[in-house]
Amino acid sequence: MDEKAGVETPPVVIKKYANRRLYNTATSSYVTLEDLSQMVKAGRDFVVYDAKTGEDITRAVLTQIIVEEEQKGQNLLPINFLRQLIGLYGGSMQWLVPRYLDHAMTAFAHNQDQMRKSLQDTFGGLFPFSPLEEMGKQNLALFEKTMKMFSPFPAGAAGPRSGEKSEEPQAPPSEASLKELTDKLNALQQQIAALGKSTKE
């Protein structure tokens, strides 16, 4: 969004060719996944199309960027979360996952910005990182709690890890429990929103 003009800036169009090269139509130059990663971090929106078919492949390219970041050792995605996420593909609760992930990440970004601004205003930029880390742990705890609730596999199905207690198998959620799960999702969303409010107090 262009704040001065009050009009929305259209996303940059990226074309991907058969040789896997990415072409930025705005700058008339070839770019890399690293360049696209920097665009995301800078808040510049873009869409990626297959140059031959015209298919929108933005989701696949963004996923590639995440894979590359993980391979660099960033490790933002816990292994347990990845296993749970894979297990949700094709499940009856799959439709709820995008809604929750989108809300959770938006709330997390908002909370992080609010916390950073509050601490910078208070300490002039010299502030401890523990409050941010604690808030991150709380968000992650809520996130993992929801993922476990939606998981179609019984907890501990792959065998308990060392030092962990095994849990009794749980039956997959039935249609009758859909409303209950949705209510739980809404409650978790309210908890996440409450974290943002608490940073202002």
C-alpha atoms as a PDB file:
ATOM      1  CA  MET A   1       0.000   0.000   0.000  1.00  0.00           C
ATOM      2  CA  ASP A   2       1.348   3.411  -0.996  1.00  0.00           C
ATOM      3  CA  GLU A   3       0.472   5.507   2.081  1.00  0.00           C
ATOM      4  CA  LYS A   4       1.098   8.830   0.362  1.00  0.00           C
ATOM      5  CA  ALA A   5      -0.959   8.109  -2.707  1.00  0.00           C
ATOM      6  CA  GLY A   6      -3.489   6.016  -0.811  1.00  0.00           C
ATOM      7  CA  VAL A   7      -3.454   3.330  -3.495  1.00  0.00           C
ATOM      8  CA  GLU A   8      -2.404  -0.282  -3.307  1.00  0.00           C
ATOM      9  CA  THR A   9       0.897  -1.149  -4.938  1.00  0.00           C
ATOM     10  CA  PRO A  10       0.444  -4.170  -7.213  1.00  0.00           C
ATOM     11  CA  PRO A  11       2.674  -7.154  -6.500  1.00  0.00           C
ATOM     12  CA  VAL A  12       5.816  -7.618  -8.548  1.00  0.00           C
ATOM     13  CA  VAL A  13       5.407 -10.296 -11.204  1.00  0.00           C
ATOM     14  CA  ILE A  14       8.111 -12.951 -11.249  1.00  0.00           C
ATOM     15  CA  LYS A  15       8.288 -15.461 -14.092  1.00  0.00           C
ATOM     16  CA  LYS A  16       9.895 -18.857 -13.697  1.00  0.00           C
ATOM     17  CA  TYR A  17      11.303 -20.445 -16.830  1.00  0.00           C
ATOM     18  CA  ALA A  18      11.949 -24.083 -17.679  1.00  0.00           C
ATOM     19  CA  ASN A  19      15.616 -23.669 -16.770  1.00  0.00           C
ATOM     20  CA  ARG A  20      14.432 -22.734 -13.256  1.00  0.00           C
ATOM     21  CA  ARG A  21      15.610 -19.173 -13.665  1.00  0.00           C
ATOM     22  CA  LEU A  22      13.451 -16.472 -12.096  1.00  0.00           C
ATOM     23  CA  TYR A  23      12.820 -13.245 -13.993  1.00  0.00           C
ATOM     24  CA  ASN A  24      11.702 -10.046 -12.264  1.00  0.00           C
ATOM     25  CA  THR A  25       9.495  -8.205 -14.743  1.00  0.00           C
ATOM     26  CA  ALA A  26       9.674  -4.994 -12.699  1.00  0.00           C
ATOM     27  CA  THR A  27      13.452  -4.703 -12.949  1.00  0.00           C
ATOM     28  CA  SER A  28      13.864  -6.687 -16.191  1.00  0.00           C
ATOM     29  CA  SER A  29      16.504  -8.853 -14.561  1.00  0.00           C
ATOM     30  CA  TYR A  30      17.004 -12.383 -13.358  1.00  0.00           C
ATOM     31  CA  VAL A  31      16.786 -12.950  -9.607  1.00  0.00           C
ATOM     32  CA  THR A  32      17.515 -15.740  -7.152  1.00  0.00           C
ATOM     33  CA  LEU A  33      15.546 -17.253  -4.292  1.00  0.00           C
ATOM     34  CA  GLU A  34      17.761 -15.203  -1.968  1.00  0.00           C
ATOM     35  CA  ASP A  35      16.626 -12.027  -3.776  1.00  0.00           C
ATOM     36  CA  LEU A  36      12.999 -13.053  -3.323  1.00  0.00           C
ATOM     37  CA  SER A  37      13.677 -13.789   0.346  1.00  0.00           C
ATOM     38  CA  GLN A  38      14.995 -10.255   0.787  1.00  0.00           C
ATOM     39  CA  MET A  39      11.880  -8.892  -0.949  1.00  0.00           C
ATOM     40  CA  VAL A  40       9.685 -10.731   1.541  1.00  0.00           C
ATOM     41  CA  LYS A  41      11.677  -9.381   4.479  1.00  0.00           C
ATOM     42  CA  ALA A  42      11.416  -5.877   3.019  1.00  0.00           C
ATOM     43  CA  GLY A  43       7.630  -6.238   2.793  1.00  0.00           C
ATOM     44  CA  ARG A  44       7.561  -6.197  -1.027  1.00  0.00           C
ATOM     45  CA  ASP A  45       4.785  -8.401  -2.323  1.00  0.00           C
ATOM     46  CA  PHE A  46       5.254 -10.557  -5.406  1.00  0.00           C
ATOM     47  CA  VAL A  47       3.616 -13.367  -7.328  1.00  0.00           C
ATOM     48  CA  VAL A  48       5.384 -16.061  -9.314  1.00  0.00           C
ATOM     49  CA  TYR A  49       4.004 -17.517 -12.532  1.00  0.00           C
ATOM     50  CA  ASP A  50       5.208 -20.393 -14.656  1.00  0.00           C
ATOM     51  CA  ALA A  51       6.429 -18.670 -17.816  1.00  0.00           C
ATOM     52  CA  LYS A  52       5.111 -21.455 -20.047  1.00  0.00           C
ATOM     53  CA  THR A  53       1.736 -22.341 -18.536  1.00  0.00           C
ATOM     54  CA  GLY A  54       0.904 -19.121 -16.670  1.00  0.00           C
ATOM     55  CA  GLU A  55       0.171 -21.147 -13.530  1.00  0.00           C
ATOM     56  CA  ASP A  56       0.510 -19.322 -10.218  1.00  0.00           C
ATOM     57  CA  ILE A  57       3.369 -21.111  -8.426  1.00  0.00           C
ATOM     58  CA  THR A  58       3.924 -18.537  -5.675  1.00  0.00           C
ATOM     59  CA  ARG A  59       3.198 -21.026  -2.885  1.00  0.00           C
ATOM     60  CA  ALA A  60       5.737 -23.523  -4.237  1.00  0.00           C
ATOM     61  CA  VAL A  61       8.445 -20.859  -4.617  1.00  0.00           C
ATOM     62  CA  LEU A  62       7.859 -19.499  -1.096  1.00  0.00           C
ATOM     63  CA  THR A  63       8.148 -23.059   0.193  1.00  0.00           C
ATOM     64  CA  GLN A  64      11.469 -23.383  -1.649  1.00  0.00           C
ATOM     65  CA  ILE A  65      12.690 -20.233   0.093  1.00  0.00           C
ATOM     66  CA  ILE A  66      11.802 -21.733   3.479  1.00  0.00           C
ATOM     67  CA  VAL A  67      13.649 -24.955   2.611  1.00  0.00           C
ATOM     68  CA  GLU A  68      16.745 -22.990   1.632  1.00  0.00           C
ATOM     69  CA  GLU A  69      16.646 -20.950   4.842  1.00  0.00           C
ATOM     70  CA  GLU A  70      16.345 -24.140   6.885  1.00  0.00           C
ATOM     71  CA  GLN A  71      19.300 -25.664   5.035  1.00  0.00           C
ATOM     72  CA  LYS A  72      21.382 -22.641   5.983  1.00  0.00           C
ATOM     73  CA  GLY A  73      20.917 -23.601   9.627  1.00  0.00           C
ATOM     74  CA  GLN A  74      18.206 -21.098  10.560  1.00  0.00           C
ATOM     75  CA  ASN A  75      16.014 -23.929  11.912  1.00  0.00           C
ATOM     76  CA  LEU A  76      12.822 -21.994  12.655  1.00  0.00           C
ATOM     77  CA  LEU A  77      10.610 -25.044  12.156  1.00  0.00           C
ATOM     78  CA  PRO A  78      10.818 -27.655  14.947  1.00  0.00           C
ATOM     79  CA  ILE A  79      10.999 -31.267  13.749  1.00  0.00           C
ATOM     80  CA  ASN A  80       7.953 -32.216  15.822  1.00  0.00           C
ATOM     81  CA  PHE A  81       5.943 -29.418  14.188  1.00  0.00           C
ATOM     82  CA  LEU A  82       6.994 -30.574  10.706  1.00  0.00           C
ATOM     83  CA  ARG A  83       5.910 -34.143  11.469  1.00  0.00           C
ATOM     84  CA  GLN A  84       2.534 -32.947  12.750  1.00  0.00           C
ATOM     85  CA  LEU A  85       2.036 -30.676   9.761  1.00  0.00           C
ATOM     86  CA  ILE A  86       2.786 -33.483   7.294  1.00  0.00           C
ATOM     87  CA  GLY A  87       0.367 -35.730   9.165  1.00  0.00           C
ATOM     88  CA  LEU A  88      -2.438 -33.211   8.667  1.00  0.00           C
ATOM     89  CA  TYR A  89      -2.326 -33.365   4.859  1.00  0.00           C
ATOM     90  CA  GLY A  90      -5.414 -35.167   3.609  1.00  0.00           C
ATOM     91  CA  GLY A  91      -6.990 -35.287   7.065  1.00  0.00           C
ATOM     92  CA  SER A  92     -10.505 -34.230   7.956  1.00  0.00           C
ATOM     93  CA  MET A  93      -9.188 -31.197   9.867  1.00  0.00           C
ATOM     94  CA  GLN A  94      -6.933 -29.962   7.077  1.00  0.00           C
ATOM     95  CA  TRP A  95      -9.264 -27.078   6.213  1.00  0.00           C
ATOM     96  CA  LEU A  96      -8.807 -25.565   9.692  1.00  0.00           C
ATOM     97  CA  VAL A  97      -5.013 -25.505   9.577  1.00  0.00           C
ATOM     98  CA  PRO A  98      -4.493 -22.628   7.073  1.00  0.00           C
ATOM     99  CA  ARG A  99      -6.931 -20.470   9.039  1.00  0.00           C
ATOM    100  CA  TYR A 100      -5.102 -21.081  12.295  1.00  0.00           C
ATOM    101  CA  LEU A 101      -1.588 -20.732  10.872  1.00  0.00           C
ATOM    102  CA  ASP A 102      -2.471 -17.453   9.172  1.00  0.00           C
ATOM    103  CA  HIS A 103      -4.024 -16.024  12.338  1.00  0.00           C
ATOM    104  CA  ALA A 104      -1.237 -17.290  14.595  1.00  0.00           C
ATOM    105  CA  MET A 105       1.569 -15.849  12.469  1.00  0.00           C
ATOM    106  CA  THR A 106      -0.218 -12.529  12.045  1.00  0.00           C
ATOM    107  CA  ALA A 107      -0.783 -12.306  15.801  1.00  0.00           C
ATOM    108  CA  PHE A 108       2.830 -13.304  16.489  1.00  0.00           C
ATOM    109  CA  ALA A 109       4.174 -10.624  14.140  1.00  0.00           C
ATOM    110  CA  HIS A 110       1.907  -8.023  15.757  1.00  0.00           C
ATOM    111  CA  ASN A 111       2.935  -9.067  19.274  1.00  0.00           C
ATOM    112  CA  GLN A 112       6.608  -8.977  18.331  1.00  0.00           C
ATOM    113  CA  ASP A 113       6.340  -5.488  16.860  1.00  0.00           C
ATOM    114  CA  GLN A 114       4.429  -4.223  19.903  1.00  0.00           C
ATOM    115  CA  MET A 115       6.954  -5.752  22.310  1.00  0.00           C
ATOM    116  CA  ARG A 116       9.936  -4.380  20.389  1.00  0.00           C
ATOM    117  CA  LYS A 117       8.426  -0.882  20.186  1.00  0.00           C
ATOM    118  CA  SER A 118       7.534  -0.863  23.884  1.00  0.00           C
ATOM    119  CA  LEU A 119      11.002  -1.951  24.955  1.00  0.00           C
ATOM    120  CA  GLN A 120      12.728   0.456  22.600  1.00  0.00           C
ATOM    121  CA  ASP A 121      10.637   3.348  23.920  1.00  0.00           C
ATOM    122  CA  THR A 122      11.468   2.358  27.482  1.00  0.00           C
ATOM    123  CA  PHE A 123      15.139   1.468  27.179  1.00  0.00           C
ATOM    124  CA  GLY A 124      16.158   3.491  24.133  1.00  0.00           C
ATOM    125  CA  GLY A 125      17.011   0.413  22.112  1.00  0.00           C
ATOM    126  CA  LEU A 126      19.066  -1.210  24.885  1.00  0.00           C
ATOM    127  CA  PHE A 127      16.735  -3.844  26.195  1.00  0.00           C
ATOM    128  CA  PRO A 128      16.981  -7.465  27.369  1.00  0.00           C
ATOM    129  CA  PHE A 129      15.853 -10.169  24.982  1.00  0.00           C
ATOM    130  CA  SER A 130      14.205 -12.355  27.612  1.00  0.00           C
ATOM    131  CA  PRO A 131      10.717 -10.740  27.282  1.00  0.00           C
ATOM    132  CA  LEU A 132      10.729 -11.363  23.524  1.00  0.00           C
ATOM    133  CA  GLU A 133      11.937 -14.911  24.027  1.00  0.00           C
ATOM    134  CA  GLU A 134       9.291 -15.583  26.662  1.00  0.00           C
ATOM    135  CA  MET A 135       6.542 -14.259  24.411  1.00  0.00           C
ATOM    136  CA  GLY A 136       7.859 -16.424  21.586  1.00  0.00           C
ATOM    137  CA  LYS A 137       7.751 -19.494  23.825  1.00  0.00           C
ATOM    138  CA  GLN A 138       4.155 -18.725  24.796  1.00  0.00           C
ATOM    139  CA  ASN A 139       3.112 -18.353  21.172  1.00  0.00           C
ATOM    140  CA  LEU A 140       4.920 -21.558  20.212  1.00  0.00           C
ATOM    141  CA  ALA A 141       3.283 -23.424  23.105  1.00  0.00           C
ATOM    142  CA  LEU A 142      -0.175 -22.369  21.928  1.00  0.00           C
ATOM    143  CA  PHE A 143       0.790 -23.209  18.359  1.00  0.00           C
ATOM    144  CA  GLU A 144       2.005 -26.713  19.191  1.00  0.00           C
ATOM    145  CA  LYS A 145      -0.998 -27.307  21.450  1.00  0.00           C
ATOM    146  CA  THR A 146      -3.337 -26.635  18.550  1.00  0.00           C
ATOM    147  CA  MET A 147      -1.298 -28.757  16.132  1.00  0.00           C
ATOM    148  CA  LYS A 148      -1.505 -31.695  18.548  1.00  0.00           C
ATOM    149  CA  MET A 149      -5.250 -31.169  18.882  1.00  0.00           C
ATOM    150  CA  PHE A 150      -5.677 -31.355  15.117  1.00  0.00           C
ATOM    151  CA  SER A 151      -3.230 -34.238  14.575  1.00  0.00           C
ATOM    152  CA  PRO A 152      -4.962 -37.288  13.031  1.00  0.00           C
ATOM    153  CA  PHE A 153      -2.346 -39.586  14.609  1.00  0.00           C
ATOM    154  CA  PRO A 154      -2.392 -40.746  18.224  1.00  0.00           C
ATOM    155  CA  ALA A 155       0.161 -39.021  20.399  1.00  0.00           C
ATOM    156  CA  GLY A 156       3.200 -41.268  20.736  1.00  0.00           C
ATOM    157  CA  ALA A 157       2.153 -43.447  17.771  1.00  0.00           C
ATOM    158  CA  ALA A 158       5.731 -43.498  16.548  1.00  0.00           C
ATOM    159  CA  GLY A 159       6.891 -44.649  20.007  1.00  0.00           C
ATOM    160  CA  PRO A 160       7.701 -42.514  23.022  1.00  0.00           C
ATOM    161  CA  ARG A 161      10.974 -40.618  23.005  1.00  0.00           C
ATOM    162  CA  SER A 162      13.482 -41.061  25.773  1.00  0.00           C
ATOM    163  CA  GLY A 163      12.365 -39.218  28.887  1.00  0.00           C
ATOM    164  CA  GLU A 164       8.829 -38.780  27.575  1.00  0.00           C
ATOM    165  CA  LYS A 165       5.690 -40.531  28.795  1.00  0.00           C
ATOM    166  CA  SER A 166       3.623 -42.386  26.237  1.00  0.00           C
ATOM    167  CA  GLU A 167       0.004 -41.394  25.883  1.00  0.00           C
ATOM    168  CA  GLU A 168      -3.065 -43.501  25.246  1.00  0.00           C
ATOM    169  CA  PRO A 169      -4.136 -43.639  21.564  1.00  0.00           C
ATOM    170  CA  GLN A 170      -6.867 -41.212  20.692  1.00  0.00           C
ATOM    171  CA  ALA A 171      -9.540 -41.831  18.098  1.00  0.00           C
ATOM    172  CA  PRO A 172      -9.669 -39.415  15.144  1.00  0.00           C
ATOM    173  CA  PRO A 173     -12.134 -36.558  15.708  1.00  0.00           C
ATOM    174  CA  SER A 174     -15.644 -37.309  14.514  1.00  0.00           C
ATOM    175  CA  GLU A 175     -17.947 -34.896  12.735  1.00  0.00           C
ATOM    176  CA  ALA A 176     -19.866 -34.479  16.006  1.00  0.00           C
ATOM    177  CA  SER A 177     -16.773 -33.020  17.656  1.00  0.00           C
ATOM    178  CA  LEU A 178     -16.148 -30.462  14.885  1.00  0.00           C
ATOM    179  CA  LYS A 179     -17.920 -27.641  16.727  1.00  0.00           C
ATOM    180  CA  GLU A 180     -15.961 -28.377  19.902  1.00  0.00           C
ATOM    181  CA  LEU A 181     -12.667 -28.235  18.010  1.00  0.00           C
ATOM    182  CA  THR A 182     -13.678 -24.983  16.335  1.00  0.00           C
ATOM    183  CA  ASP A 183     -14.545 -23.503  19.732  1.00  0.00           C
ATOM    184  CA  LYS A 184     -11.137 -24.561  21.030  1.00  0.00           C
ATOM    185  CA  LEU A 185      -9.484 -22.920  18.032  1.00  0.00           C
ATOM    186  CA  ASN A 186     -11.312 -19.659  18.695  1.00  0.00           C
ATOM    187  CA  ALA A 187     -10.316 -19.819  22.372  1.00  0.00           C
ATOM    188  CA  LEU A 188      -6.667 -20.259  21.421  1.00  0.00           C
ATOM    189  CA  GLN A 189      -6.886 -17.325  19.041  1.00  0.00           C
ATOM    190  CA  GLN A 190      -8.238 -15.191  21.895  1.00  0.00           C
ATOM    191  CA  GLN A 191      -5.323 -16.291  24.085  1.00  0.00           C
ATOM    192  CA  ILE A 192      -2.845 -15.247  21.409  1.00  0.00           C
ATOM    193  CA  ALA A 193      -4.568 -11.876  21.032  1.00  0.00           C
ATOM    194  CA  ALA A 194      -4.421 -11.451  24.816  1.00  0.00           C
ATOM    195  CA  LEU A 195      -0.650 -11.810  24.702  1.00  0.00           C
ATOM    196  CA  GLY A 196      -0.489  -8.740  22.495  1.00  0.00           C
ATOM    197  CA  LYS A 197      -2.602  -6.729  24.924  1.00  0.00           C
ATOM    198  CA  SER A 198      -0.474  -7.779  27.900  1.00  0.00           C
ATOM    199  CA  THR A 199       2.655  -6.294  26.311  1.00  0.00           C
ATOM    200  CA  LYS A 200       1.082  -2.839  26.452  1.00  0.00           C
ATOM    201  CA  GLU A 201       0.426  -3.024  30.205  1.00  0.00           C
END
